[in-house]
């Protein structure tokens, strides 16, 4: 589907010399991959947010009950 914005981008790229067109397309592909990754991450966080909240509540409760111990970086 071509929108006004996509037509404009295509025209801008076509106005460049061919070697620069390839570079522009490579950058655009990387940018689009980054956007897709961000969308996946946002979706993943959205689906697991209630679990993260529950885990944080449990951790806070364990700390208040004295059941938690400080993280020892040497043990990792």
PDB file of N, CA and C in Angstrom:
ATOM      1  N   UNK A   1       0.843  -1.170   0.000  1.00  0.00           N
ATOM      2  CA  UNK A   1       0.000   0.000   0.000  1.00  0.00           C
ATOM      3  C   UNK A   1       0.891   1.237   0.000  1.00  0.00           C
ATOM      4  N   UNK A   2       0.685   2.072  -0.938  1.00  0.00           N
ATOM      5  CA  UNK A   2       1.479   3.297  -1.001  1.00  0.00           C
ATOM      6  C   UNK A   2       0.659   4.464  -0.476  1.00  0.00           C
ATOM      7  N   UNK A   3       1.235   5.131   0.516  1.00  0.00           N
ATOM      8  CA  UNK A   3       0.621   6.340   1.049  1.00  0.00           C
ATOM      9  C   UNK A   3       1.381   7.534   0.502  1.00  0.00           C
ATOM     10  N   UNK A   4       0.891   8.719   0.802  1.00  0.00           N
ATOM     11  CA  UNK A   4       1.588   9.925   0.360  1.00  0.00           C
ATOM     12  C   UNK A   4       3.016   9.959   0.883  1.00  0.00           C
ATOM     13  N   UNK A   5       3.198   9.523   2.144  1.00  0.00           N
ATOM     14  CA  UNK A   5       4.539   9.536   2.746  1.00  0.00           C
ATOM     15  C   UNK A   5       5.460   8.542   2.046  1.00  0.00           C
ATOM     16  N   UNK A   6       4.948   7.349   1.726  1.00  0.00           N
ATOM     17  CA  UNK A   6       5.817   6.361   1.073  1.00  0.00           C
ATOM     18  C   UNK A   6       6.188   6.800  -0.341  1.00  0.00           C
ATOM     19  N   UNK A   7       5.269   7.429  -1.044  1.00  0.00           N
ATOM     20  CA  UNK A   7       5.570   7.944  -2.388  1.00  0.00           C
ATOM     21  C   UNK A   7       6.649   9.021  -2.292  1.00  0.00           C
ATOM     22  N   UNK A   8       6.542   9.879  -1.289  1.00  0.00           N
ATOM     23  CA  UNK A   8       7.542  10.939  -1.097  1.00  0.00           C
ATOM     24  C   UNK A   8       8.911  10.332  -0.823  1.00  0.00           C
ATOM     25  N   UNK A   9       8.970   9.343   0.034  1.00  0.00           N
ATOM     26  CA  UNK A   9      10.246   8.683   0.358  1.00  0.00           C
ATOM     27  C   UNK A   9      10.844   8.044  -0.889  1.00  0.00           C
ATOM     28  N   UNK A  10      10.013   7.364  -1.660  1.00  0.00           N
ATOM     29  CA  UNK A  10      10.498   6.721  -2.888  1.00  0.00           C
ATOM     30  C   UNK A  10      11.077   7.770  -3.835  1.00  0.00           C
ATOM     31  N   UNK A  11      10.376   8.875  -4.007  1.00  0.00           N
ATOM     32  CA  UNK A  11      10.864   9.937  -4.897  1.00  0.00           C
ATOM     33  C   UNK A  11      12.174  10.523  -4.378  1.00  0.00           C
ATOM     34  N   UNK A  12      12.277  10.692  -3.073  1.00  0.00           N
ATOM     35  CA  UNK A  12      13.511  11.228  -2.492  1.00  0.00           C
ATOM     36  C   UNK A  12      14.674  10.284  -2.753  1.00  0.00           C
ATOM     37  N   UNK A  13      14.450   8.998  -2.569  1.00  0.00           N
ATOM     38  CA  UNK A  13      15.518   8.019  -2.798  1.00  0.00           C
ATOM     39  C   UNK A  13      15.885   7.965  -4.274  1.00  0.00           C
ATOM     40  N   UNK A  14      14.873   7.996  -5.143  1.00  0.00           N
ATOM     41  CA  UNK A  14      15.135   7.942  -6.584  1.00  0.00           C
ATOM     42  C   UNK A  14      15.899   9.171  -7.072  1.00  0.00           C
ATOM     43  N   UNK A  15      15.832  10.264  -6.341  1.00  0.00           N
ATOM     44  CA  UNK A  15      16.543  11.473  -6.770  1.00  0.00           C
ATOM     45  C   UNK A  15      18.039  11.406  -6.467  1.00  0.00           C
ATOM     46  N   UNK A  16      18.448  10.411  -5.717  1.00  0.00           N
ATOM     47  CA  UNK A  16      19.862  10.248  -5.365  1.00  0.00           C
ATOM     48  C   UNK A  16      20.604   9.465  -6.442  1.00  0.00           C
ATOM     49  N   UNK A  17      21.917   9.634  -6.526  1.00  0.00           N
ATOM     50  CA  UNK A  17      22.707   8.771  -7.419  1.00  0.00           C
ATOM     51  C   UNK A  17      22.577   7.316  -6.946  1.00  0.00           C
ATOM     52  N   UNK A  18      22.694   6.367  -7.874  1.00  0.00           N
ATOM     53  CA  UNK A  18      22.454   4.956  -7.547  1.00  0.00           C
ATOM     54  C   UNK A  18      23.225   4.430  -6.344  1.00  0.00           C
ATOM     55  N   UNK A  19      24.530   4.692  -6.227  1.00  0.00           N
ATOM     56  CA  UNK A  19      25.239   4.171  -5.046  1.00  0.00           C
ATOM     57  C   UNK A  19      24.644   4.709  -3.733  1.00  0.00           C
ATOM     58  N   UNK A  20      24.198   5.949  -3.777  1.00  0.00           N
ATOM     59  CA  UNK A  20      23.595   6.540  -2.579  1.00  0.00           C
ATOM     60  C   UNK A  20      22.201   5.967  -2.329  1.00  0.00           C
ATOM     61  N   UNK A  21      21.518   5.574  -3.392  1.00  0.00           N
ATOM     62  CA  UNK A  21      20.212   4.939  -3.233  1.00  0.00           C
ATOM     63  C   UNK A  21      20.362   3.651  -2.422  1.00  0.00           C
ATOM     64  N   UNK A  22      21.382   2.881  -2.759  1.00  0.00           N
ATOM     65  CA  UNK A  22      21.621   1.623  -2.030  1.00  0.00           C
ATOM     66  C   UNK A  22      21.889   1.886  -0.560  1.00  0.00           C
ATOM     67  N   UNK A  23      22.703   2.890  -0.282  1.00  0.00           N
ATOM     68  CA  UNK A  23      23.009   3.231   1.116  1.00  0.00           C
ATOM     69  C   UNK A  23      21.751   3.679   1.847  1.00  0.00           C
ATOM     70  N   UNK A  24      20.949   4.501   1.178  1.00  0.00           N
ATOM     71  CA  UNK A  24      19.713   4.990   1.795  1.00  0.00           C
ATOM     72  C   UNK A  24      18.768   3.829   2.090  1.00  0.00           C
ATOM     73  N   UNK A  25      18.673   2.902   1.147  1.00  0.00           N
ATOM     74  CA  UNK A  25      17.804   1.744   1.350  1.00  0.00           C
ATOM     75  C   UNK A  25      18.304   0.855   2.490  1.00  0.00           C
ATOM     76  N   UNK A  26      19.609   0.683   2.581  1.00  0.00           N
ATOM     77  CA  UNK A  26      20.168  -0.102   3.686  1.00  0.00           C
ATOM     78  C   UNK A  26      19.835   0.549   5.029  1.00  0.00           C
ATOM     79  N   UNK A  27      19.977   1.856   5.101  1.00  0.00           N
ATOM     80  CA  UNK A  27      19.646   2.567   6.344  1.00  0.00           C
ATOM     81  C   UNK A  27      18.154   2.444   6.659  1.00  0.00           C
ATOM     82  N   UNK A  28      17.329   2.564   5.622  1.00  0.00           N
ATOM     83  CA  UNK A  28      15.885   2.459   5.815  1.00  0.00           C
ATOM     84  C   UNK A  28      15.506   1.058   6.300  1.00  0.00           C
ATOM     85  N   UNK A  29      16.135   0.038   5.740  1.00  0.00           N
ATOM     86  CA  UNK A  29      15.856  -1.328   6.164  1.00  0.00           C
ATOM     87  C   UNK A  29      16.227  -1.522   7.631  1.00  0.00           C
ATOM     88  N   UNK A  30      17.377  -1.020   8.034  1.00  0.00           N
ATOM     89  CA  UNK A  30      17.801  -1.133   9.427  1.00  0.00           C
ATOM     90  C   UNK A  30      16.836  -0.398  10.346  1.00  0.00           C
ATOM     91  N   UNK A  31      16.429   0.784   9.918  1.00  0.00           N
ATOM     92  CA  UNK A  31      15.491   1.579  10.708  1.00  0.00           C
ATOM     93  C   UNK A  31      14.165   0.834  10.885  1.00  0.00           C
ATOM     94  N   UNK A  32      13.668   0.239   9.812  1.00  0.00           N
ATOM     95  CA  UNK A  32      12.412  -0.508   9.887  1.00  0.00           C
ATOM     96  C   UNK A  32      12.546  -1.741  10.783  1.00  0.00           C
ATOM     97  N   UNK A  33      13.694  -2.408  10.727  1.00  0.00           N
ATOM     98  CA  UNK A  33      13.931  -3.555  11.616  1.00  0.00           C
ATOM     99  C   UNK A  33      13.926  -3.105  13.074  1.00  0.00           C
ATOM    100  N   UNK A  34      14.518  -1.952  13.340  1.00  0.00           N
ATOM    101  CA  UNK A  34      14.519  -1.407  14.699  1.00  0.00           C
ATOM    102  C   UNK A  34      13.097  -1.118  15.177  1.00  0.00           C
ATOM    103  N   UNK A  35      12.294  -0.548  14.301  1.00  0.00           N
ATOM    104  CA  UNK A  35      10.901  -0.255  14.658  1.00  0.00           C
ATOM    105  C   UNK A  35      10.151  -1.554  14.957  1.00  0.00           C
ATOM    106  N   UNK A  36      10.350  -2.576  14.128  1.00  0.00           N
ATOM    107  CA  UNK A  36       9.685  -3.865  14.370  1.00  0.00           C
ATOM    108  C   UNK A  36      10.113  -4.456  15.711  1.00  0.00           C
ATOM    109  N   UNK A  37      11.397  -4.365  16.029  1.00  0.00           N
ATOM    110  CA  UNK A  37      11.890  -4.853  17.315  1.00  0.00           C
ATOM    111  C   UNK A  37      11.237  -4.106  18.473  1.00  0.00           C
ATOM    112  N   UNK A  38      11.118  -2.783  18.340  1.00  0.00           N
ATOM    113  CA  UNK A  38      10.478  -1.988  19.388  1.00  0.00           C
ATOM    114  C   UNK A  38       9.021  -2.391  19.566  1.00  0.00           C
ATOM    115  N   UNK A  39       8.324  -2.646  18.463  1.00  0.00           N
ATOM    116  CA  UNK A  39       6.926  -3.066  18.547  1.00  0.00           C
ATOM    117  C   UNK A  39       6.800  -4.421  19.243  1.00  0.00           C
ATOM    118  N   UNK A  40       7.687  -5.352  18.910  1.00  0.00           N
ATOM    119  CA  UNK A  40       7.667  -6.668  19.568  1.00  0.00           C
ATOM    120  C   UNK A  40       7.931  -6.521  21.062  1.00  0.00           C
ATOM    121  N   UNK A  41       8.908  -5.688  21.415  1.00  0.00           N
ATOM    122  CA  UNK A  41       9.256  -5.469  22.817  1.00  0.00           C
ATOM    123  C   UNK A  41       8.067  -4.862  23.564  1.00  0.00           C
ATOM    124  N   UNK A  42       7.445  -3.852  22.987  1.00  0.00           N
ATOM    125  CA  UNK A  42       6.292  -3.213  23.621  1.00  0.00           C
ATOM    126  C   UNK A  42       5.155  -4.202  23.810  1.00  0.00           C
ATOM    127  N   UNK A  43       4.920  -5.025  22.813  1.00  0.00           N
ATOM    128  CA  UNK A  43       3.873  -6.036  22.901  1.00  0.00           C
ATOM    129  C   UNK A  43       4.191  -7.046  23.994  1.00  0.00           C
ATOM    130  N   UNK A  44       5.435  -7.469  24.052  1.00  0.00           N
ATOM    131  CA  UNK A  44       5.860  -8.438  25.063  1.00  0.00           C
ATOM    132  C   UNK A  44       5.704  -7.879  26.469  1.00  0.00           C
ATOM    133  N   UNK A  45       6.127  -6.636  26.662  1.00  0.00           N
ATOM    134  CA  UNK A  45       6.005  -5.986  27.971  1.00  0.00           C
ATOM    135  C   UNK A  45       4.531  -5.851  28.343  1.00  0.00           C
ATOM    136  N   UNK A  46       3.719  -5.465  27.394  1.00  0.00           N
ATOM    137  CA  UNK A  46       2.290  -5.300  27.643  1.00  0.00           C
ATOM    138  C   UNK A  46       1.637  -6.590  28.096  1.00  0.00           C
ATOM    139  N   UNK A  47       2.054  -7.705  27.511  1.00  0.00           N
ATOM    140  CA  UNK A  47       1.470  -8.995  27.865  1.00  0.00           C
ATOM    141  C   UNK A  47       1.963  -9.507  29.213  1.00  0.00           C
ATOM    142  N   UNK A  48       3.150  -9.086  29.632  1.00  0.00           N
ATOM    143  CA  UNK A  48       3.719  -9.620  30.871  1.00  0.00           C
ATOM    144  C   UNK A  48       3.670  -8.622  32.026  1.00  0.00           C
ATOM    145  N   UNK A  49       3.059  -7.468  31.821  1.00  0.00           N
ATOM    146  CA  UNK A  49       3.073  -6.428  32.842  1.00  0.00           C
ATOM    147  C   UNK A  49       2.428  -6.895  34.141  1.00  0.00           C
ATOM    148  N   UNK A  50       1.319  -7.615  34.071  1.00  0.00           N
ATOM    149  CA  UNK A  50       0.670  -8.065  35.300  1.00  0.00           C
ATOM    150  C   UNK A  50       1.561  -9.046  36.058  1.00  0.00           C
ATOM    151  N   UNK A  51       2.311  -9.876  35.345  1.00  0.00           N
ATOM    152  CA  UNK A  51       3.233 -10.804  36.001  1.00  0.00           C
ATOM    153  C   UNK A  51       4.387 -10.053  36.669  1.00  0.00           C
ATOM    154  N   UNK A  52       4.872  -9.013  36.002  1.00  0.00           N
ATOM    155  CA  UNK A  52       5.945  -8.206  36.584  1.00  0.00           C
ATOM    156  C   UNK A  52       5.475  -7.490  37.855  1.00  0.00           C
ATOM    157  N   UNK A  53       4.254  -6.986  37.819  1.00  0.00           N
ATOM    158  CA  UNK A  53       3.697  -6.313  39.001  1.00  0.00           C
ATOM    159  C   UNK A  53       3.554  -7.307  40.147  1.00  0.00           C
ATOM    160  N   UNK A  54       3.062  -8.499  39.850  1.00  0.00           N
ATOM    161  CA  UNK A  54       2.903  -9.526  40.885  1.00  0.00           C
ATOM    162  C   UNK A  54       4.257  -9.919  41.472  1.00  0.00           C
ATOM    163  N   UNK A  55       5.268 -10.062  40.633  1.00  0.00           N
ATOM    164  CA  UNK A  55       6.609 -10.423  41.116  1.00  0.00           C
ATOM    165  C   UNK A  55       7.182  -9.311  41.994  1.00  0.00           C
ATOM    166  N   UNK A  56       6.956  -8.057  41.612  1.00  0.00           N
ATOM    167  CA  UNK A  56       7.449  -6.934  42.413  1.00  0.00           C
ATOM    168  C   UNK A  56       6.747  -6.893  43.765  1.00  0.00           C
ATOM    169  N   UNK A  57       5.456  -7.150  43.780  1.00  0.00           N
ATOM    170  CA  UNK A  57       4.714  -7.172  45.058  1.00  0.00           C
ATOM    171  C   UNK A  57       5.227  -8.291  45.959  1.00  0.00           C
ATOM    172  N   UNK A  58       5.463  -9.448  45.360  1.00  0.00           N
ATOM    173  CA  UNK A  58       5.967 -10.576  46.135  1.00  0.00           C
ATOM    174  C   UNK A  58       7.350 -10.266  46.704  1.00  0.00           C
ATOM    175  N   UNK A  59       8.203  -9.665  45.893  1.00  0.00           N
ATOM    176  CA  UNK A  59       9.546  -9.309  46.355  1.00  0.00           C
ATOM    177  C   UNK A  59       9.467  -8.307  47.501  1.00  0.00           C
ATOM    178  N   UNK A  60       8.612  -7.311  47.362  1.00  0.00           N
ATOM    179  CA  UNK A  60       8.465  -6.310  48.416  1.00  0.00           C
ATOM    180  C   UNK A  60       7.963  -6.952  49.708  1.00  0.00           C
ATOM    181  N   UNK A  61       7.024  -7.885  49.574  1.00  0.00           N
ATOM    182  CA  UNK A  61       6.501  -8.588  50.748  1.00  0.00           C
ATOM    183  C   UNK A  61       7.586  -9.424  51.425  1.00  0.00           C
ATOM    184  N   UNK A  62       8.388 -10.117  50.622  1.00  0.00           N
ATOM    185  CA  UNK A  62       9.473 -10.928  51.178  1.00  0.00           C
ATOM    186  C   UNK A  62      10.514 -10.053  51.886  1.00  0.00           C
ATOM    187  N   UNK A  63      10.773  -8.875  51.326  1.00  0.00           N
ATOM    188  CA  UNK A  63      11.714  -7.949  51.959  1.00  0.00           C
ATOM    189  C   UNK A  63      11.158  -7.507  53.312  1.00  0.00           C
ATOM    190  N   UNK A  64       9.885  -7.156  53.341  1.00  0.00           N
ATOM    191  CA  UNK A  64       9.260  -6.689  54.580  1.00  0.00           C
ATOM    192  C   UNK A  64       9.222  -7.796  55.641  1.00  0.00           C
ATOM    193  N   UNK A  65       9.128  -9.049  55.205  1.00  0.00           N
ATOM    194  CA  UNK A  65       9.079 -10.175  56.139  1.00  0.00           C
ATOM    195  C   UNK A  65      10.481 -10.658  56.528  1.00  0.00           C
ATOM    196  N   UNK A  66      11.500 -10.038  55.960  1.00  0.00           N
ATOM    197  CA  UNK A  66      12.869 -10.429  56.267  1.00  0.00           C
ATOM    198  C   UNK A  66      13.313 -11.710  55.582  1.00  0.00           C
ATOM    199  N   UNK A  67      12.593 -12.143  54.584  1.00  0.00           N
ATOM    200  CA  UNK A  67      12.931 -13.386  53.873  1.00  0.00           C
ATOM    201  C   UNK A  67      13.937 -13.153  52.739  1.00  0.00           C
ATOM    202  N   UNK A  68      14.107 -11.919  52.340  1.00  0.00           N
ATOM    203  CA  UNK A  68      14.996 -11.605  51.212  1.00  0.00           C
ATOM    204  C   UNK A  68      16.417 -11.377  51.705  1.00  0.00           C
ATOM    205  N   UNK A  69      17.372 -11.701  50.861  1.00  0.00           N
ATOM    206  CA  UNK A  69      18.780 -11.446  51.181  1.00  0.00           C
ATOM    207  C   UNK A  69      19.369 -10.561  50.086  1.00  0.00           C
ATOM    208  N   UNK A  70      20.330  -9.726  50.451  1.00  0.00           N
ATOM    209  CA  UNK A  70      20.953  -8.865  49.437  1.00  0.00           C
ATOM    210  C   UNK A  70      21.638  -9.697  48.349  1.00  0.00           C
ATOM    211  N   UNK A  71      21.624  -9.189  47.148  1.00  0.00           N
ATOM    212  CA  UNK A  71      22.275  -9.854  46.012  1.00  0.00           C
ATOM    213  C   UNK A  71      23.782  -9.743  46.167  1.00  0.00           C
ATOM    214  N   UNK A  72      24.447 -10.876  46.079  1.00  0.00           N
ATOM    215  CA  UNK A  72      25.908 -10.893  46.157  1.00  0.00           C
ATOM    216  C   UNK A  72      26.450 -11.067  44.740  1.00  0.00           C
ATOM    217  N   UNK A  73      27.041 -10.015  44.208  1.00  0.00           N
ATOM    218  CA  UNK A  73      27.530 -10.036  42.835  1.00  0.00           C
ATOM    219  C   UNK A  73      28.629 -11.085  42.624  1.00  0.00           C
ATOM    220  N   UNK A  74      29.331 -11.430  43.673  1.00  0.00           N
ATOM    221  CA  UNK A  74      30.390 -12.430  43.572  1.00  0.00           C
ATOM    222  C   UNK A  74      29.828 -13.826  43.316  1.00  0.00           C
ATOM    223  N   UNK A  75      28.591 -14.066  43.742  1.00  0.00           N
ATOM    224  CA  UNK A  75      27.961 -15.385  43.556  1.00  0.00           C
ATOM    225  C   UNK A  75      27.416 -15.580  42.155  1.00  0.00           C
ATOM    226  N   UNK A  76      27.300 -14.509  41.404  1.00  0.00           N
ATOM    227  CA  UNK A  76      26.765 -14.625  40.046  1.00  0.00           C
ATOM    228  C   UNK A  76      27.794 -15.206  39.179  1.00  0.00           C
TER     229      UNK A  76
END
